[in-house]
Amino acid sequence: MNAGFVEVADRVHVLREPLLRVNVTLVVGDDEALLVDTLSSAAQATELAAAVRAVTDRPLTLVNTHHHYDHCFGNAVLAGDPPRPVYAHELAAAALRAEPERLRREAYEEVRTEHPALAAELADTPLLAPTHTVQIETSLDLGGRRVLLRHPGRGHTEADLMVHVPDADVLVAGDLVEQSGPPAFEDSYPLQWPDAVADLLRLTTARTVVVPGHGDPVDVAFVRTQHAELVRLAWLIRAAHTGSAPPERVAAEAPFGARAALIAAHRGYDELNGEA
């Protein structure tokens, strides 16, 4: 990982890991700094720690936007010993606390074909569950700078957090917003995702910088367009389910491409059938 942090607003810095294009956001206050997401492995996290220290020497507080490996498996390295606070939604924290081996195994299987070196790193990475949980909303004071952690409802997962930095007009969206590819629907709630993004949009202005989970920072117009696509996808899923059409019908008509939309359709059908 050769990338460093780039300042996107006053004392708000973004690093994009090049392999999976995952974004890490560093928010610097007068007394502390907040690091949003910790990448995929101990090796990546060690490089990330050096990049953080090139920007600030303030004590770190960590936030996981959700419990997928590429956003939280670096917790143990970045938190240090004794560990600094790590925040996440209560369900994300519970998953990391109760099922670390399952999460590590699923991550290994996901990446072993395309990224075997990363898979090998994942297999040996110690996992640290978050120490502080968020149910709906928590406010943190970094010293002269307030940061809001908010769960907008089910979307990409059941346990997404977004991070709002009001004085810099920055919103870190995690994988609720994606720029470098279509949204990932494998653990999603596609019928509720539009409402989560609508909640996110209520914290924006015309000038807000939105940091997606993967890819380049975007503006509010981009998020509104993605919200409209999610609304259309949810409508197609509901209509097809009502008409007893197969999920493939949704995939043929939906935004985001056939593969992503088919996964979304199956997840949406599970929701409507009471199975998700």
Protein backbone atom coordinates (compact mmCIF):
# COMPACT_ATOMS: atom_id res chain seq x y z
CA MET A 1 0.00 0.00 0.00
CA ASN A 2 1.89 3.04 -1.24
CA ALA A 3 -0.90 5.60 -1.00
CA GLY A 4 -0.87 8.40 1.56
CA PHE A 5 -3.59 10.62 2.96
CA VAL A 6 -5.01 13.48 0.89
CA GLU A 7 -6.73 16.38 2.65
CA VAL A 8 -10.27 16.73 1.23
CA ALA A 9 -11.46 19.40 3.71
CA ASP A 10 -10.09 21.22 6.75
CA ARG A 11 -8.15 18.56 8.74
CA VAL A 12 -10.11 15.74 7.10
CA HIS A 13 -7.86 13.38 5.16
CA VAL A 14 -8.70 10.38 2.96
CA LEU A 15 -6.44 7.46 2.05
CA ARG A 16 -7.49 5.04 -0.67
CA GLU A 17 -6.04 1.55 -0.46
CA PRO A 18 -5.25 0.62 -4.08
CA LEU A 19 -6.07 -3.10 -4.18
CA LEU A 20 -9.78 -2.88 -3.29
CA ARG A 21 -10.02 0.93 -3.47
CA VAL A 22 -11.19 1.08 0.14
CA ASN A 23 -11.29 4.53 1.69
CA VAL A 24 -9.97 5.33 5.16
CA THR A 25 -10.78 8.76 6.61
CA LEU A 26 -8.72 10.57 9.25
CA VAL A 27 -10.38 13.45 11.13
CA VAL A 28 -8.00 15.53 13.24
CA GLY A 29 -9.17 17.52 16.26
CA ASP A 30 -7.24 19.63 18.75
CA ASP A 31 -6.88 16.77 21.26
CA GLU A 32 -7.59 13.53 19.40
CA ALA A 33 -7.93 12.12 15.89
CA LEU A 34 -10.65 9.83 14.54
CA LEU A 35 -9.80 7.06 12.07
CA VAL A 36 -12.75 5.72 10.10
CA ASP A 37 -12.12 2.10 9.01
CA THR A 38 -8.93 0.08 9.36
CA LEU A 39 -8.53 -1.96 6.13
CA SER A 40 -8.25 -5.72 5.60
CA SER A 41 -5.25 -7.19 7.38
CA ALA A 42 -2.55 -6.64 9.96
CA ALA A 43 -0.03 -5.93 7.19
CA GLN A 44 -2.25 -3.27 5.59
CA ALA A 45 -3.00 -1.79 9.01
CA THR A 46 0.70 -1.51 9.85
CA GLU A 47 1.27 0.56 6.72
CA LEU A 48 -1.86 2.56 7.50
CA ALA A 49 -0.55 3.35 10.98
CA ALA A 50 2.59 4.83 9.47
CA ALA A 51 0.49 6.93 7.07
CA VAL A 52 -1.58 8.20 10.02
CA ARG A 53 1.52 9.21 11.95
CA ALA A 54 2.79 11.13 8.93
CA VAL A 55 -0.27 13.37 9.38
CA THR A 56 -0.80 13.55 13.15
CA ASP A 57 0.55 12.25 16.46
CA ARG A 58 -2.73 12.75 18.32
CA PRO A 59 -4.28 9.76 20.14
CA LEU A 60 -6.60 7.78 17.88
CA THR A 61 -10.21 6.76 18.27
CA LEU A 62 -11.38 4.21 15.69
CA VAL A 63 -14.72 3.78 13.94
CA ASN A 64 -15.82 0.81 11.82
CA THR A 65 -18.51 1.74 9.29
CA HIS A 66 -19.55 -1.94 9.28
CA HIS A 67 -18.18 -5.42 9.96
CA HIS A 68 -16.95 -6.47 6.49
CA TYR A 69 -13.30 -7.49 6.52
CA ASP A 70 -12.00 -4.66 4.34
CA HIS A 71 -13.24 -2.06 6.83
CA CYS A 72 -12.34 -3.53 10.22
CA PHE A 73 -9.79 -6.36 10.18
CA GLY A 74 -7.02 -3.86 10.93
CA ASN A 75 -8.55 -2.92 14.30
CA ALA A 76 -6.07 -4.80 16.48
CA VAL A 77 -3.05 -3.08 14.94
CA LEU A 78 -4.50 0.43 14.86
CA ALA A 79 -6.03 0.30 18.35
CA GLY A 80 -2.69 -0.56 19.92
CA ASP A 81 -2.01 -2.06 23.35
CA PRO A 82 -3.76 -1.23 25.60
CA PRO A 83 -6.41 -0.66 22.94
CA ARG A 84 -7.82 2.74 22.14
CA PRO A 85 -11.63 3.03 21.78
CA VAL A 86 -13.18 1.35 18.72
CA TYR A 87 -16.75 2.34 17.81
CA ALA A 88 -19.22 0.43 15.64
CA HIS A 89 -22.92 -0.28 15.42
CA GLU A 90 -23.96 -2.73 18.14
CA LEU A 91 -24.72 -5.50 15.63
CA ALA A 92 -21.38 -5.10 13.88
CA ALA A 93 -19.62 -5.28 17.23
CA ALA A 94 -21.62 -8.37 18.18
CA ALA A 95 -20.68 -10.14 14.94
CA LEU A 96 -16.98 -9.43 15.41
CA ARG A 97 -17.13 -10.50 19.05
CA ALA A 98 -19.14 -13.69 18.57
CA GLU A 99 -18.06 -14.99 15.17
CA PRO A 100 -14.50 -13.88 14.32
CA GLU A 101 -13.56 -17.23 12.81
CA ARG A 102 -16.59 -17.26 10.51
CA LEU A 103 -15.88 -13.72 9.36
CA ARG A 104 -12.21 -14.54 8.75
CA ARG A 105 -13.10 -17.72 6.86
CA GLU A 106 -15.69 -15.96 4.66
CA ALA A 107 -13.23 -13.16 3.89
CA TYR A 108 -10.55 -15.69 2.96
CA GLU A 109 -12.90 -17.50 0.58
CA GLU A 110 -13.98 -14.21 -1.00
CA VAL A 111 -10.48 -13.05 -1.92
CA ARG A 112 -8.36 -16.18 -2.28
CA THR A 113 -8.83 -16.55 -6.05
CA GLU A 114 -8.32 -12.95 -7.18
CA HIS A 115 -6.03 -11.79 -4.36
CA PRO A 116 -4.18 -14.82 -2.91
CA ALA A 117 -1.55 -12.73 -1.13
CA LEU A 118 -4.24 -10.77 0.71
CA ALA A 119 -6.03 -14.03 1.53
CA ALA A 120 -2.86 -15.33 3.18
CA GLU A 121 -2.62 -12.14 5.24
CA LEU A 122 -6.27 -12.44 6.29
CA ALA A 123 -5.73 -15.97 7.55
CA ASP A 124 -3.17 -14.74 10.09
CA THR A 125 -4.78 -11.45 11.10
CA PRO A 126 -5.97 -11.15 14.72
CA LEU A 127 -9.42 -9.59 15.02
CA LEU A 128 -10.40 -7.02 17.62
CA ALA A 129 -14.09 -6.44 18.28
CA PRO A 130 -15.23 -2.84 18.82
CA THR A 131 -15.17 -1.69 22.42
CA HIS A 132 -17.92 0.96 22.15
CA THR A 133 -21.27 0.46 20.43
CA VAL A 134 -23.74 2.78 18.72
CA GLN A 135 -27.44 2.01 18.50
CA ILE A 136 -28.73 5.08 16.65
CA GLU A 137 -26.45 8.06 17.23
CA THR A 138 -23.38 9.05 19.23
CA SER A 139 -21.48 12.34 19.29
CA LEU A 140 -17.72 12.45 19.88
CA ASP A 141 -15.60 15.46 20.86
CA LEU A 142 -12.09 15.38 19.39
CA GLY A 143 -11.18 18.64 21.09
CA GLY A 144 -12.80 21.68 19.50
CA ARG A 145 -14.40 19.45 16.85
CA ARG A 146 -17.61 17.47 17.14
CA VAL A 147 -18.15 14.34 15.05
CA LEU A 148 -21.45 12.49 14.75
CA LEU A 149 -21.70 8.69 14.36
CA ARG A 150 -25.14 7.73 13.04
CA HIS A 151 -26.89 4.50 12.07
CA PRO A 152 -29.35 5.46 9.29
CA GLY A 153 -31.14 2.10 9.23
CA ARG A 154 -30.55 -1.08 7.27
CA GLY A 155 -28.85 -0.70 3.92
CA HIS A 156 -25.59 -2.25 2.78
CA THR A 157 -25.76 -4.30 5.99
CA GLU A 158 -27.94 -4.25 9.09
CA ALA A 159 -25.17 -2.42 10.96
CA ASP A 160 -23.96 0.53 8.87
CA LEU A 161 -22.58 3.70 10.45
CA MET A 162 -21.98 7.00 8.73
CA VAL A 163 -19.66 9.65 10.15
CA HIS A 164 -20.55 13.35 9.88
CA VAL A 165 -18.00 16.13 10.38
CA PRO A 166 -20.25 19.23 10.39
CA ASP A 167 -17.62 21.95 10.63
CA ALA A 168 -15.82 20.59 7.55
CA ASP A 169 -19.05 19.62 5.71
CA VAL A 170 -17.81 16.05 5.17
CA LEU A 171 -19.90 12.90 5.37
CA VAL A 172 -18.20 9.50 5.46
CA ALA A 173 -20.79 7.10 4.04
CA GLY A 174 -19.06 3.73 4.20
CA ASP A 175 -20.50 1.27 1.70
CA LEU A 176 -23.92 2.92 1.78
CA VAL A 177 -22.51 4.88 -1.18
CA GLU A 178 -20.18 3.39 -3.78
CA GLN A 179 -18.23 5.13 -6.52
CA SER A 180 -15.78 2.59 -7.94
CA GLY A 181 -18.39 -0.06 -8.72
CA PRO A 182 -22.00 -1.03 -8.08
CA PRO A 183 -23.27 -1.33 -4.53
CA ALA A 184 -22.59 -4.71 -2.90
CA PHE A 185 -25.87 -6.43 -2.05
CA GLU A 186 -24.70 -9.75 -0.53
CA ASP A 187 -25.62 -8.77 3.06
CA SER A 188 -27.96 -5.96 2.11
CA TYR A 189 -31.54 -4.89 2.69
CA PRO A 190 -32.34 -3.42 -0.73
CA LEU A 191 -35.90 -2.43 0.15
CA GLN A 192 -34.65 -0.35 3.10
CA TRP A 193 -31.40 0.94 1.57
CA PRO A 194 -33.08 3.94 -0.13
CA ASP A 195 -34.36 5.15 3.26
CA ALA A 196 -30.88 4.85 4.75
CA VAL A 197 -29.42 6.99 1.96
CA ALA A 198 -32.27 9.49 2.36
CA ASP A 199 -31.32 9.78 6.04
CA LEU A 200 -27.72 10.34 4.98
CA LEU A 201 -28.77 13.06 2.53
CA ARG A 202 -30.51 15.00 5.31
CA LEU A 203 -27.06 15.74 6.77
CA THR A 204 -25.70 17.21 3.53
CA THR A 205 -25.54 20.66 1.95
CA ALA A 206 -24.87 21.61 -1.65
CA ARG A 207 -21.14 21.67 -0.85
CA THR A 208 -20.78 18.46 1.19
CA VAL A 209 -17.91 16.15 0.36
CA VAL A 210 -19.16 12.57 0.61
CA VAL A 211 -16.55 9.86 1.10
CA PRO A 212 -17.86 6.53 -0.27
CA GLY A 213 -16.71 3.14 0.94
CA HIS A 214 -14.73 2.59 -2.25
CA GLY A 215 -13.54 4.98 -4.95
CA ASP A 216 -13.27 8.74 -5.28
CA PRO A 217 -15.01 11.25 -2.99
CA VAL A 218 -18.27 12.44 -4.54
CA ASP A 219 -20.68 15.34 -4.34
CA VAL A 220 -24.31 15.36 -3.27
CA ALA A 221 -25.55 15.15 -6.87
CA PHE A 222 -23.82 11.77 -7.21
CA VAL A 223 -25.47 10.51 -4.02
CA ARG A 224 -28.89 11.73 -5.16
CA THR A 225 -28.47 9.84 -8.43
CA GLN A 226 -27.47 6.66 -6.61
CA HIS A 227 -30.43 7.12 -4.26
CA ALA A 228 -32.79 7.35 -7.25
CA GLU A 229 -31.31 4.14 -8.65
CA LEU A 230 -31.80 2.37 -5.32
CA VAL A 231 -35.40 3.59 -5.22
CA ARG A 232 -36.00 2.20 -8.71
CA LEU A 233 -34.39 -1.12 -7.78
CA ALA A 234 -36.59 -1.44 -4.68
CA TRP A 235 -39.70 -0.66 -6.75
CA LEU A 236 -38.78 -3.28 -9.36
CA ILE A 237 -38.22 -5.89 -6.65
CA ARG A 238 -41.58 -5.18 -5.02
CA ALA A 239 -43.43 -5.17 -8.34
CA ALA A 240 -41.83 -8.39 -9.54
CA HIS A 241 -42.49 -10.13 -6.23
CA THR A 242 -46.14 -9.05 -6.28
CA GLY A 243 -46.46 -10.43 -9.80
CA SER A 244 -44.71 -13.68 -8.83
CA ALA A 245 -42.00 -12.98 -11.41
CA PRO A 246 -38.59 -14.63 -10.99
CA PRO A 247 -35.70 -12.56 -9.59
CA GLU A 248 -34.09 -12.77 -13.04
CA ARG A 249 -36.82 -10.44 -14.32
CA VAL A 250 -35.62 -7.77 -11.90
CA ALA A 251 -32.01 -8.28 -12.93
CA ALA A 252 -32.89 -7.72 -16.59
CA GLU A 253 -34.44 -4.32 -15.91
CA ALA A 254 -32.67 -2.94 -12.86
CA PRO A 255 -29.83 -0.46 -12.48
CA PHE A 256 -26.32 -1.49 -11.33
CA GLY A 257 -25.91 -4.38 -13.80
CA ALA A 258 -27.42 -7.85 -13.97
CA ARG A 259 -25.10 -9.60 -11.48
CA ALA A 260 -25.50 -7.03 -8.68
CA ALA A 261 -29.22 -6.65 -9.35
CA LEU A 262 -29.83 -10.40 -9.22
CA ILE A 263 -28.20 -10.59 -5.79
CA ALA A 264 -30.32 -7.61 -4.71
CA ALA A 265 -33.48 -9.23 -6.05
CA HIS A 266 -32.88 -12.42 -4.09
CA ARG A 267 -32.21 -10.40 -0.94
CA GLY A 268 -35.32 -8.30 -1.54
CA TYR A 269 -37.47 -11.39 -2.07
CA ASP A 270 -36.12 -12.77 1.21
CA GLU A 271 -37.19 -9.54 2.93
CA LEU A 272 -40.68 -9.72 1.44
CA ASN A 273 -40.96 -13.40 2.38
CA GLY A 274 -39.93 -12.64 5.95
CA GLU A 275 -36.67 -14.55 5.61
CA ALA A 276 -34.22 -11.66 6.08
